Amino acid sequence: MDSGVTTTVIGLLAIAIGLLACFAGYRVFRIVLPILGFLVGFGIGARLAETVFNEPYLSTPLAWGVAIVVGLLAAVVAFIWWYVSVAIAIAGLGYAIGYGAATGLGVGATPALVIGIAVAVLFGIVAIVLRVPTGLVIVVSAFWGASALLGGALVLLGRIDPNQLRNGTVDVVIADSALMLAIWLALGIAGVVVQWMTTPREEAPGGGPVPAV
């Protein structure tokens, strides 16, 4: 696949999913989380293809095939099991944090992948055990969406390469500049506010009333 087309597709996909997750993550929960699950699985699958099969990141049919298969498996799990779907979304954030921190500390690609997956599993287990409340789902989806949105925009603008999104977008966005960090925080907060205001009254965080829309 032409590298320019690949870059555009990945950038637009990240922006579209980011917008949906940031501002409507909980409201369309059953739709968004399988999508997030697919995106998380897609990224991990592409990284596995690169590490295990020595395939360039999303540059060969095999790399795309592995990424899509892992993404679809994650999406199916997210669609079938409610709390597992929440765990997958939160695990994605954990993977970004773990892999990003390891990479920032100069750890090699393979150990960083292992660390990222380990942190993702830990986050996912904690999410299932604690039966994550609505409020946390809103916060995670809003900030995860803000990260994906900005990451996709940076890809389209040529500020980062698509393969920099393989470890999640949080660390990429934050590392880009203080301005990007401020925009990320602003988008995340705006997403939380919008989602809270549009969440059905009986499902509002803390059980309190939600303004009518």
C-alpha atoms as a PDB file:
ATOM      1  CA  MET A   1       0.000   0.000   0.000  1.00  0.00           C
ATOM      2  CA  ASP A   2       1.278   3.486  -0.874  1.00  0.00           C
ATOM      3  CA  SER A   3       2.818   5.108   2.189  1.00  0.00           C
ATOM      4  CA  GLY A   4       0.974   8.382   1.573  1.00  0.00           C
ATOM      5  CA  VAL A   5      -2.383   6.611   1.434  1.00  0.00           C
ATOM      6  CA  THR A   6      -1.533   4.619   4.550  1.00  0.00           C
ATOM      7  CA  THR A   7      -0.640   7.786   6.440  1.00  0.00           C
ATOM      8  CA  THR A   8      -3.873   9.516   5.416  1.00  0.00           C
ATOM      9  CA  VAL A   9      -6.045   6.501   6.286  1.00  0.00           C
ATOM     10  CA  ILE A  10      -4.449   6.053   9.703  1.00  0.00           C
ATOM     11  CA  GLY A  11      -4.645   9.775  10.470  1.00  0.00           C
ATOM     12  CA  LEU A  12      -8.301  10.093   9.492  1.00  0.00           C
ATOM     13  CA  LEU A  13      -9.222   6.877  11.337  1.00  0.00           C
ATOM     14  CA  ALA A  14      -7.569   8.127  14.521  1.00  0.00           C
ATOM     15  CA  ILE A  15      -9.325  11.508  14.275  1.00  0.00           C
ATOM     16  CA  ALA A  16     -12.754   9.979  13.615  1.00  0.00           C
ATOM     17  CA  ILE A  17     -12.517   7.495  16.465  1.00  0.00           C
ATOM     18  CA  GLY A  18     -11.021  10.160  18.715  1.00  0.00           C
ATOM     19  CA  LEU A  19     -13.922  12.563  18.146  1.00  0.00           C
ATOM     20  CA  LEU A  20     -16.476   9.831  18.771  1.00  0.00           C
ATOM     21  CA  ALA A  21     -14.784   8.580  21.925  1.00  0.00           C
ATOM     22  CA  CYS A  22     -14.030  12.041  23.340  1.00  0.00           C
ATOM     23  CA  PHE A  23     -17.478  13.571  23.025  1.00  0.00           C
ATOM     24  CA  ALA A  24     -19.813  10.580  22.909  1.00  0.00           C
ATOM     25  CA  GLY A  25     -17.838   7.768  24.509  1.00  0.00           C
ATOM     26  CA  TYR A  26     -20.413   6.743  27.097  1.00  0.00           C
ATOM     27  CA  ARG A  27     -23.555   7.745  25.226  1.00  0.00           C
ATOM     28  CA  VAL A  28     -22.775   5.298  22.422  1.00  0.00           C
ATOM     29  CA  PHE A  29     -20.950   2.918  24.740  1.00  0.00           C
ATOM     30  CA  ARG A  30     -21.830  -0.337  22.997  1.00  0.00           C
ATOM     31  CA  ILE A  31     -20.606   1.036  19.663  1.00  0.00           C
ATOM     32  CA  VAL A  32     -17.550   2.968  20.794  1.00  0.00           C
ATOM     33  CA  LEU A  33     -15.908   0.357  23.000  1.00  0.00           C
ATOM     34  CA  PRO A  34     -15.774  -2.342  20.317  1.00  0.00           C
ATOM     35  CA  ILE A  35     -14.233   0.320  18.060  1.00  0.00           C
ATOM     36  CA  LEU A  36     -11.746   1.230  20.764  1.00  0.00           C
ATOM     37  CA  GLY A  37     -11.132  -2.469  21.303  1.00  0.00           C
ATOM     38  CA  PHE A  38     -10.421  -2.866  17.593  1.00  0.00           C
ATOM     39  CA  LEU A  39      -8.073   0.139  17.566  1.00  0.00           C
ATOM     40  CA  VAL A  40      -6.175  -1.102  20.616  1.00  0.00           C
ATOM     41  CA  GLY A  41      -5.944  -4.620  19.209  1.00  0.00           C
ATOM     42  CA  PHE A  42      -5.001  -3.251  15.784  1.00  0.00           C
ATOM     43  CA  GLY A  43      -2.097  -1.294  17.244  1.00  0.00           C
ATOM     44  CA  ILE A  44      -0.849  -4.204  19.329  1.00  0.00           C
ATOM     45  CA  GLY A  45      -1.226  -6.582  16.365  1.00  0.00           C
ATOM     46  CA  ALA A  46       0.796  -4.297  14.105  1.00  0.00           C
ATOM     47  CA  ARG A  47       3.469  -4.028  16.774  1.00  0.00           C
ATOM     48  CA  LEU A  48       3.527  -7.831  17.202  1.00  0.00           C
ATOM     49  CA  ALA A  49       3.898  -8.315  13.439  1.00  0.00           C
ATOM     50  CA  GLU A  50       6.820  -5.904  13.450  1.00  0.00           C
ATOM     51  CA  THR A  51       8.498  -7.556  16.444  1.00  0.00           C
ATOM     52  CA  VAL A  52       7.728 -11.252  15.876  1.00  0.00           C
ATOM     53  CA  PHE A  53       7.705 -11.457  12.064  1.00  0.00           C
ATOM     54  CA  ASN A  54      10.121  -8.586  11.427  1.00  0.00           C
ATOM     55  CA  GLU A  55       7.545  -6.880   9.216  1.00  0.00           C
ATOM     56  CA  PRO A  56       7.751  -3.104   8.677  1.00  0.00           C
ATOM     57  CA  TYR A  57       4.987  -1.294  10.562  1.00  0.00           C
ATOM     58  CA  LEU A  58       1.805  -1.583   8.438  1.00  0.00           C
ATOM     59  CA  SER A  59       3.876  -1.710   5.257  1.00  0.00           C
ATOM     60  CA  THR A  60       3.113  -5.280   4.117  1.00  0.00           C
ATOM     61  CA  PRO A  61      -0.059  -7.382   3.680  1.00  0.00           C
ATOM     62  CA  LEU A  62       1.054  -9.668   6.527  1.00  0.00           C
ATOM     63  CA  ALA A  63       1.457  -6.743   8.926  1.00  0.00           C
ATOM     64  CA  TRP A  64      -2.008  -5.438   8.038  1.00  0.00           C
ATOM     65  CA  GLY A  65      -3.474  -8.951   8.301  1.00  0.00           C
ATOM     66  CA  VAL A  66      -2.105  -9.562  11.791  1.00  0.00           C
ATOM     67  CA  ALA A  67      -3.188  -6.107  12.949  1.00  0.00           C
ATOM     68  CA  ILE A  68      -6.737  -6.562  11.608  1.00  0.00           C
ATOM     69  CA  VAL A  69      -7.141 -10.071  13.080  1.00  0.00           C
ATOM     70  CA  VAL A  70      -5.991  -9.006  16.551  1.00  0.00           C
ATOM     71  CA  GLY A  71      -8.152  -5.885  16.287  1.00  0.00           C
ATOM     72  CA  LEU A  72     -11.246  -7.886  15.326  1.00  0.00           C
ATOM     73  CA  LEU A  73     -10.708 -10.337  18.189  1.00  0.00           C
ATOM     74  CA  ALA A  74     -10.486  -7.466  20.657  1.00  0.00           C
ATOM     75  CA  ALA A  75     -13.594  -5.839  19.145  1.00  0.00           C
ATOM     76  CA  VAL A  76     -15.629  -9.067  19.423  1.00  0.00           C
ATOM     77  CA  VAL A  77     -14.663  -9.504  23.070  1.00  0.00           C
ATOM     78  CA  ALA A  78     -15.525  -5.862  23.754  1.00  0.00           C
ATOM     79  CA  PHE A  79     -18.957  -6.257  22.130  1.00  0.00           C
ATOM     80  CA  ILE A  80     -19.931  -9.444  23.976  1.00  0.00           C
ATOM     81  CA  TRP A  81     -18.785  -8.698  27.528  1.00  0.00           C
ATOM     82  CA  TRP A  82     -19.698  -5.356  29.134  1.00  0.00           C
ATOM     83  CA  TYR A  83     -17.030  -5.102  31.813  1.00  0.00           C
ATOM     84  CA  VAL A  84     -14.431  -6.745  29.605  1.00  0.00           C
ATOM     85  CA  SER A  85     -15.172  -4.073  27.002  1.00  0.00           C
ATOM     86  CA  VAL A  86     -14.524  -1.388  29.606  1.00  0.00           C
ATOM     87  CA  ALA A  87     -11.364  -3.213  30.620  1.00  0.00           C
ATOM     88  CA  ILE A  88     -10.108  -3.246  27.022  1.00  0.00           C
ATOM     89  CA  ALA A  89     -10.509   0.513  26.705  1.00  0.00           C
ATOM     90  CA  ILE A  90      -8.724   1.103  29.997  1.00  0.00           C
ATOM     91  CA  ALA A  91      -6.110  -1.524  29.115  1.00  0.00           C
ATOM     92  CA  GLY A  92      -5.380   0.479  25.977  1.00  0.00           C
ATOM     93  CA  LEU A  93      -4.579   3.486  28.119  1.00  0.00           C
ATOM     94  CA  GLY A  94      -2.411   1.262  30.328  1.00  0.00           C
ATOM     95  CA  TYR A  95      -0.540  -0.015  27.282  1.00  0.00           C
ATOM     96  CA  ALA A  96       0.147   3.543  26.132  1.00  0.00           C
ATOM     97  CA  ILE A  97       1.450   4.494  29.562  1.00  0.00           C
ATOM     98  CA  GLY A  98       3.573   1.363  29.997  1.00  0.00           C
ATOM     99  CA  TYR A  99       5.078   1.318  26.523  1.00  0.00           C
ATOM    100  CA  GLY A 100       5.558   5.076  26.455  1.00  0.00           C
ATOM    101  CA  ALA A 101       7.298   5.144  29.842  1.00  0.00           C
ATOM    102  CA  ALA A 102       9.554   2.220  28.895  1.00  0.00           C
ATOM    103  CA  THR A 103      10.469   3.835  25.587  1.00  0.00           C
ATOM    104  CA  GLY A 104      11.162   7.138  27.316  1.00  0.00           C
ATOM    105  CA  LEU A 105      13.555   5.341  29.671  1.00  0.00           C
ATOM    106  CA  GLY A 106      15.483   3.930  26.726  1.00  0.00           C
ATOM    107  CA  VAL A 107      14.224   0.350  26.982  1.00  0.00           C
ATOM    108  CA  GLY A 108      14.478  -1.740  23.806  1.00  0.00           C
ATOM    109  CA  ALA A 109      11.484  -2.314  21.526  1.00  0.00           C
ATOM    110  CA  THR A 110      10.723  -5.906  22.591  1.00  0.00           C
ATOM    111  CA  PRO A 111      11.044  -5.348  26.379  1.00  0.00           C
ATOM    112  CA  ALA A 112       8.974  -2.161  25.989  1.00  0.00           C
ATOM    113  CA  LEU A 113       6.263  -4.167  24.220  1.00  0.00           C
ATOM    114  CA  VAL A 114       6.236  -6.691  27.066  1.00  0.00           C
ATOM    115  CA  ILE A 115       6.050  -3.918  29.660  1.00  0.00           C
ATOM    116  CA  GLY A 116       3.240  -2.219  27.759  1.00  0.00           C
ATOM    117  CA  ILE A 117       1.216  -5.425  27.579  1.00  0.00           C
ATOM    118  CA  ALA A 118       1.865  -6.158  31.266  1.00  0.00           C
ATOM    119  CA  VAL A 119       0.610  -2.719  32.309  1.00  0.00           C
ATOM    120  CA  ALA A 120      -2.376  -3.110  29.980  1.00  0.00           C
ATOM    121  CA  VAL A 121      -3.299  -6.437  31.595  1.00  0.00           C
ATOM    122  CA  LEU A 122      -2.940  -4.917  35.069  1.00  0.00           C
ATOM    123  CA  PHE A 123      -5.187  -1.968  34.185  1.00  0.00           C
ATOM    124  CA  GLY A 124      -7.718  -4.306  32.605  1.00  0.00           C
ATOM    125  CA  ILE A 125      -7.866  -6.631  35.611  1.00  0.00           C
ATOM    126  CA  VAL A 126      -8.286  -3.736  38.015  1.00  0.00           C
ATOM    127  CA  ALA A 127     -11.106  -2.357  35.850  1.00  0.00           C
ATOM    128  CA  ILE A 128     -12.947  -5.704  35.952  1.00  0.00           C
ATOM    129  CA  VAL A 129     -12.403  -6.320  39.670  1.00  0.00           C
ATOM    130  CA  LEU A 130     -13.566  -2.821  40.639  1.00  0.00           C
ATOM    131  CA  ARG A 131     -16.504  -2.920  38.179  1.00  0.00           C
ATOM    132  CA  VAL A 132     -15.558   0.472  36.796  1.00  0.00           C
ATOM    133  CA  PRO A 133     -18.196   3.146  37.477  1.00  0.00           C
ATOM    134  CA  THR A 134     -19.787   5.333  34.827  1.00  0.00           C
ATOM    135  CA  GLY A 135     -17.712   8.359  35.789  1.00  0.00           C
ATOM    136  CA  LEU A 136     -14.421   6.599  35.121  1.00  0.00           C
ATOM    137  CA  VAL A 137     -15.667   5.318  31.769  1.00  0.00           C
ATOM    138  CA  ILE A 138     -16.498   8.893  30.778  1.00  0.00           C
ATOM    139  CA  VAL A 139     -13.112  10.235  31.887  1.00  0.00           C
ATOM    140  CA  VAL A 140     -11.117   7.456  30.218  1.00  0.00           C
ATOM    141  CA  SER A 141     -13.029   7.632  26.932  1.00  0.00           C
ATOM    142  CA  ALA A 142     -12.810  11.448  26.840  1.00  0.00           C
ATOM    143  CA  PHE A 143      -9.058  11.637  27.361  1.00  0.00           C
ATOM    144  CA  TRP A 144      -8.356   8.552  25.255  1.00  0.00           C
ATOM    145  CA  GLY A 145     -10.390  10.149  22.480  1.00  0.00           C
ATOM    146  CA  ALA A 146      -8.563  13.455  22.857  1.00  0.00           C
ATOM    147  CA  SER A 147      -5.264  11.592  22.498  1.00  0.00           C
ATOM    148  CA  ALA A 148      -6.388   9.724  19.380  1.00  0.00           C
ATOM    149  CA  LEU A 149      -7.770  12.920  17.856  1.00  0.00           C
ATOM    150  CA  LEU A 150      -4.566  14.882  18.340  1.00  0.00           C
ATOM    151  CA  GLY A 151      -2.418  11.936  17.320  1.00  0.00           C
ATOM    152  CA  GLY A 152      -4.311  11.618  14.045  1.00  0.00           C
ATOM    153  CA  ALA A 153      -4.025  15.358  13.417  1.00  0.00           C
ATOM    154  CA  LEU A 154      -0.261  15.240  14.013  1.00  0.00           C
ATOM    155  CA  VAL A 155       0.006  12.356  11.535  1.00  0.00           C
ATOM    156  CA  LEU A 156      -1.897  14.277   8.839  1.00  0.00           C
ATOM    157  CA  LEU A 157       0.222  17.373   9.478  1.00  0.00           C
ATOM    158  CA  GLY A 158       3.406  15.327   9.113  1.00  0.00           C
ATOM    159  CA  ARG A 159       4.511  16.102  12.667  1.00  0.00           C
ATOM    160  CA  ILE A 160       4.770  12.404  13.564  1.00  0.00           C
ATOM    161  CA  ASP A 161       4.906   9.147  11.617  1.00  0.00           C
ATOM    162  CA  PRO A 162       1.985   6.692  11.732  1.00  0.00           C
ATOM    163  CA  ASN A 163       4.163   4.080  13.440  1.00  0.00           C
ATOM    164  CA  GLN A 164       4.551   6.441  16.398  1.00  0.00           C
ATOM    165  CA  LEU A 165       0.923   5.704  17.216  1.00  0.00           C
ATOM    166  CA  ARG A 166       1.705   2.036  17.788  1.00  0.00           C
ATOM    167  CA  ASN A 167       2.330   2.583  21.495  1.00  0.00           C
ATOM    168  CA  GLY A 168      -0.813   4.646  21.970  1.00  0.00           C
ATOM    169  CA  THR A 169      -1.083   8.376  21.422  1.00  0.00           C
ATOM    170  CA  VAL A 170      -0.906   9.779  24.947  1.00  0.00           C
ATOM    171  CA  ASP A 171       2.879   9.889  25.242  1.00  0.00           C
ATOM    172  CA  VAL A 172       3.273  11.024  21.624  1.00  0.00           C
ATOM    173  CA  VAL A 173       0.951  13.994  22.121  1.00  0.00           C
ATOM    174  CA  ILE A 174       2.418  14.990  25.469  1.00  0.00           C
ATOM    175  CA  ALA A 175       5.979  14.715  24.203  1.00  0.00           C
ATOM    176  CA  ASP A 176       5.291  16.811  21.114  1.00  0.00           C
ATOM    177  CA  SER A 177       5.026  20.148  22.929  1.00  0.00           C
ATOM    178  CA  ALA A 178       3.583  21.946  25.926  1.00  0.00           C
ATOM    179  CA  LEU A 179       0.947  23.428  23.625  1.00  0.00           C
ATOM    180  CA  MET A 180      -0.198  19.945  22.547  1.00  0.00           C
ATOM    181  CA  LEU A 181      -0.392  18.926  26.198  1.00  0.00           C
ATOM    182  CA  ALA A 182      -2.582  21.953  26.959  1.00  0.00           C
ATOM    183  CA  ILE A 183      -4.839  21.197  23.984  1.00  0.00           C
ATOM    184  CA  TRP A 184      -5.056  17.538  25.043  1.00  0.00           C
ATOM    185  CA  LEU A 185      -6.117  18.516  28.552  1.00  0.00           C
ATOM    186  CA  ALA A 186      -8.643  21.049  27.213  1.00  0.00           C
ATOM    187  CA  LEU A 187     -10.164  18.519  24.802  1.00  0.00           C
ATOM    188  CA  GLY A 188     -10.308  15.856  27.491  1.00  0.00           C
ATOM    189  CA  ILE A 189     -12.039  18.151  29.961  1.00  0.00           C
ATOM    190  CA  ALA A 190     -14.460  19.351  27.285  1.00  0.00           C
ATOM    191  CA  GLY A 191     -15.208  15.738  26.411  1.00  0.00           C
ATOM    192  CA  VAL A 192     -15.929  14.893  30.048  1.00  0.00           C
ATOM    193  CA  VAL A 193     -18.303  17.866  30.378  1.00  0.00           C
ATOM    194  CA  VAL A 194     -20.150  17.081  27.143  1.00  0.00           C
ATOM    195  CA  GLN A 195     -20.504  13.401  28.007  1.00  0.00           C
ATOM    196  CA  TRP A 196     -21.694  14.161  31.545  1.00  0.00           C
ATOM    197  CA  MET A 197     -24.322  16.559  30.233  1.00  0.00           C
ATOM    198  CA  THR A 198     -25.591  14.047  27.664  1.00  0.00           C
ATOM    199  CA  THR A 199     -25.559  10.959  29.892  1.00  0.00           C
ATOM    200  CA  PRO A 200     -29.056   9.672  30.800  1.00  0.00           C
ATOM    201  CA  ARG A 201     -30.135  10.966  34.206  1.00  0.00           C
ATOM    202  CA  GLU A 202     -30.279   7.527  35.859  1.00  0.00           C
ATOM    203  CA  GLU A 203     -26.756   6.681  34.683  1.00  0.00           C
ATOM    204  CA  ALA A 204     -25.046   9.920  35.702  1.00  0.00           C
ATOM    205  CA  PRO A 205     -21.806   9.653  37.695  1.00  0.00           C
ATOM    206  CA  GLY A 206     -22.631   9.596  41.385  1.00  0.00           C
ATOM    207  CA  GLY A 207     -26.325   9.154  40.681  1.00  0.00           C
ATOM    208  CA  GLY A 208     -26.886  12.916  40.516  1.00  0.00           C
ATOM    209  CA  PRO A 209     -29.111  14.687  38.039  1.00  0.00           C
ATOM    210  CA  VAL A 210     -27.864  15.409  34.555  1.00  0.00           C
ATOM    211  CA  PRO A 211     -29.020  18.550  32.771  1.00  0.00           C
ATOM    212  CA  ALA A 212     -31.486  17.895  29.980  1.00  0.00           C
ATOM    213  CA  VAL A 213     -30.185  18.320  26.452  1.00  0.00           C
END
